[in-house]
Amino acid sequence: MTMEFSRLLRLSNADRRTADIHADASPAERRAAAERLGVEAVETLKVDGKLVRLAPGDLYEASGAASLEATRICIVTLEPFTETTTTDFVERFTTTPEKATPADADLDPDALDIELADGDVIDFGELALQYLAMALDPYPRAPDAPDAPPDAPTAPARRPFADLDRMLKAKRDKD
């Protein structure tokens, strides 16, 4: 698996105090992220996060904010425009499989799942990309795009009983 924007933080960094991370993507990482996210280009990609060990024991919380400035193609004008997307994230991790939330568990919708950490690190860059992918507008629209395309044909109003009206009129004319 390719890691377009990998920023690892060891769980042991949060054993005694909160561990912080602040990262900007390099040009190569931004190109790879653009391909993954399906956007024309990524101008900026940032993550600011913190890792906290929760009491008791082997439970960690990764939280933060991710931001992306990307060139998108407007669905109306088909012209490129720049869009900024920001999102916050909170995830909980453990290294003990018994503490991880089973896939088939009945869950409280307000409770956080507990994910199994990949070794002894959390990838904040990957978290940022996952949350940004969910936050991207699936139908990007430039701020100055018209409400409807200028050459869009207007469909005539459909009258559901027009055929019945014609049939009744034809029957009356016969009689």
Protein backbone atom coordinates (compact mmCIF):
# COMPACT_ATOMS: atom_id res chain seq x y z
CA MET A 1 0.00 0.00 0.00
CA THR A 2 1.31 3.43 -0.94
CA MET A 3 1.41 6.04 1.76
CA GLU A 4 0.95 9.35 -0.01
CA PHE A 5 1.36 11.46 3.13
CA SER A 6 2.82 9.36 5.91
CA ARG A 7 3.47 11.10 9.25
CA LEU A 8 4.14 8.54 11.96
CA LEU A 9 3.96 9.15 15.69
CA ARG A 10 5.06 6.42 18.11
CA LEU A 11 2.60 5.43 20.82
CA SER A 12 5.44 5.58 23.35
CA ASN A 13 5.70 9.35 22.68
CA ALA A 14 2.36 9.73 24.49
CA ASP A 15 3.20 7.56 27.52
CA ARG A 16 3.90 10.47 29.87
CA ARG A 17 2.50 13.50 28.07
CA THR A 18 0.56 14.55 24.99
CA ALA A 19 2.54 14.15 21.78
CA ASP A 20 1.95 16.80 19.09
CA ILE A 21 2.48 16.65 15.36
CA HIS A 22 2.41 19.44 12.77
CA ALA A 23 3.14 18.51 9.16
CA ASP A 24 2.94 19.92 5.64
CA ALA A 25 3.07 17.70 2.54
CA SER A 26 5.99 17.91 0.15
CA PRO A 27 5.36 18.54 -3.58
CA ALA A 28 5.70 14.81 -4.35
CA GLU A 29 3.27 13.93 -1.54
CA ARG A 30 0.79 16.54 -2.81
CA ARG A 31 0.92 15.03 -6.33
CA ALA A 32 0.31 11.53 -4.92
CA ALA A 33 -2.52 12.83 -2.71
CA ALA A 34 -4.15 14.54 -5.71
CA GLU A 35 -4.20 11.25 -7.57
CA ARG A 36 -5.62 9.38 -4.58
CA LEU A 37 -8.31 11.99 -3.91
CA GLY A 38 -9.27 12.40 -7.57
CA VAL A 39 -8.58 16.13 -7.76
CA GLU A 40 -6.60 18.03 -10.40
CA ALA A 41 -3.90 19.27 -8.04
CA VAL A 42 -3.20 19.76 -4.33
CA GLU A 43 -1.64 23.12 -3.48
CA THR A 44 -1.47 22.61 0.30
CA LEU A 45 -2.01 19.62 2.57
CA LYS A 46 -1.54 19.99 6.33
CA VAL A 47 -2.22 18.05 9.48
CA ASP A 48 -2.05 19.24 13.08
CA GLY A 49 -2.71 16.59 15.67
CA LYS A 50 -2.07 15.21 19.09
CA LEU A 51 -1.78 11.75 20.55
CA VAL A 52 -2.92 11.16 24.13
CA ARG A 53 -2.69 8.03 26.23
CA LEU A 54 -6.02 7.44 27.94
CA ALA A 55 -6.16 5.85 31.36
CA PRO A 56 -6.12 2.98 31.99
CA GLY A 57 -3.43 1.23 30.02
CA ASP A 58 -3.35 0.48 26.34
CA LEU A 59 -5.81 3.01 24.90
CA TYR A 60 -4.75 6.04 22.85
CA GLU A 61 -6.67 8.89 21.27
CA ALA A 62 -5.46 10.56 18.08
CA SER A 63 -7.18 13.86 17.31
CA GLY A 64 -6.52 16.87 15.18
CA ALA A 65 -7.37 18.90 12.12
CA ALA A 66 -6.50 18.44 8.47
CA SER A 67 -6.70 20.98 5.66
CA LEU A 68 -6.42 20.79 1.92
CA GLU A 69 -6.36 23.40 -0.80
CA ALA A 70 -7.01 21.70 -4.13
CA THR A 71 -7.76 22.51 -7.74
CA ARG A 72 -11.12 20.96 -8.65
CA ILE A 73 -13.17 20.90 -11.84
CA CYS A 74 -16.58 22.58 -11.57
CA ILE A 75 -19.46 20.26 -12.48
CA VAL A 76 -21.33 23.13 -14.15
CA THR A 77 -18.70 25.10 -16.08
CA LEU A 78 -16.05 22.36 -16.36
CA GLU A 79 -13.50 25.03 -15.44
CA PRO A 80 -10.85 24.57 -12.74
CA PHE A 81 -11.20 26.42 -9.45
CA THR A 82 -9.52 26.31 -6.05
CA GLU A 83 -11.42 24.80 -3.13
CA THR A 84 -10.37 24.64 0.52
CA THR A 85 -11.49 21.69 2.62
CA THR A 86 -10.93 21.35 6.37
CA THR A 87 -11.96 18.63 8.76
CA ASP A 88 -11.42 17.53 12.34
CA PHE A 89 -10.79 13.93 13.36
CA VAL A 90 -10.81 11.80 16.50
CA GLU A 91 -9.85 8.13 16.54
CA ARG A 92 -9.06 5.71 19.36
CA PHE A 93 -6.41 3.00 19.09
CA THR A 94 -5.11 0.03 21.05
CA THR A 95 -2.33 -2.51 20.50
CA THR A 96 -4.32 -5.25 22.26
CA PRO A 97 -6.68 -7.04 19.84
CA GLU A 98 -9.09 -7.96 22.67
CA LYS A 99 -9.74 -4.25 23.30
CA ALA A 100 -10.45 -3.41 19.66
CA THR A 101 -14.09 -2.99 18.66
CA PRO A 102 -15.31 -6.11 16.80
CA ALA A 103 -16.67 -5.48 13.31
CA ASP A 104 -20.02 -7.10 14.15
CA ALA A 105 -20.57 -5.38 17.52
CA ASP A 106 -23.77 -3.48 18.29
CA LEU A 107 -22.40 0.00 18.79
CA ASP A 108 -23.54 3.16 20.42
CA PRO A 109 -23.65 5.60 17.47
CA ASP A 110 -22.12 8.33 19.64
CA ALA A 111 -19.25 6.17 20.90
CA LEU A 112 -15.91 5.96 19.13
CA ASP A 113 -14.73 2.65 17.72
CA ILE A 114 -11.41 1.40 19.01
CA GLU A 115 -9.09 0.53 16.13
CA LEU A 116 -6.16 -1.83 16.31
CA ALA A 117 -2.93 0.16 15.89
CA ASP A 118 -0.55 -0.92 13.17
CA GLY A 119 2.42 -1.83 15.34
CA ASP A 120 3.44 0.87 17.77
CA VAL A 121 2.75 3.90 15.53
CA ILE A 122 -0.18 6.02 14.40
CA ASP A 123 -0.03 7.51 10.90
CA PHE A 124 -1.46 11.02 11.21
CA GLY A 125 -0.94 11.69 7.51
CA GLU A 126 -3.10 8.71 6.59
CA LEU A 127 -5.78 9.78 9.08
CA ALA A 128 -5.76 13.25 7.52
CA LEU A 129 -6.19 11.88 3.99
CA GLN A 130 -8.99 9.53 5.01
CA TYR A 131 -10.97 12.28 6.71
CA LEU A 132 -10.31 14.78 3.90
CA ALA A 133 -11.50 12.22 1.34
CA MET A 134 -14.80 11.99 3.22
CA ALA A 135 -15.07 15.78 3.54
CA LEU A 136 -14.49 16.59 -0.14
CA ASP A 137 -17.57 17.77 -2.00
CA PRO A 138 -18.51 14.98 -4.44
CA TYR A 139 -20.03 17.59 -6.80
CA PRO A 140 -17.54 20.47 -6.82
CA ARG A 141 -19.05 23.74 -7.93
CA ALA A 142 -17.15 26.96 -8.50
CA PRO A 143 -18.39 29.87 -6.38
CA ASP A 144 -19.27 31.88 -9.50
CA ALA A 145 -20.98 28.99 -11.36
CA PRO A 146 -24.49 29.75 -12.63
CA ASP A 147 -27.44 27.86 -11.17
CA ALA A 148 -28.00 26.02 -14.46
CA PRO A 149 -25.84 25.71 -17.54
CA PRO A 150 -26.63 28.56 -19.97
CA ASP A 151 -27.51 26.22 -22.85
CA ALA A 152 -29.54 23.77 -20.78
CA PRO A 153 -32.83 22.97 -22.51
CA THR A 154 -35.89 23.50 -20.41
CA ALA A 155 -38.14 20.48 -20.39
CA PRO A 156 -41.82 21.11 -21.05
CA ALA A 157 -44.03 20.60 -18.05
CA ARG A 158 -45.28 17.03 -17.99
CA ARG A 159 -48.99 16.75 -17.51
CA PRO A 160 -49.75 13.25 -16.18
CA PHE A 161 -53.38 13.22 -17.40
CA ALA A 162 -52.80 14.80 -20.83
CA ASP A 163 -53.35 11.48 -22.62
CA LEU A 164 -56.58 10.88 -20.69
CA ASP A 165 -57.78 14.39 -21.58
CA ARG A 166 -57.14 13.70 -25.28
CA MET A 167 -58.98 10.35 -25.08
CA LEU A 168 -62.02 11.94 -23.40
CA LYS A 169 -62.06 14.75 -25.97
CA ALA A 170 -61.89 12.23 -28.84
CA LYS A 171 -64.75 10.23 -27.31
CA ARG A 172 -66.93 13.36 -26.97
CA ASP A 173 -66.23 14.29 -30.60
CA LYS A 174 -67.42 10.84 -31.74
CA ASP A 175 -70.65 11.07 -29.82
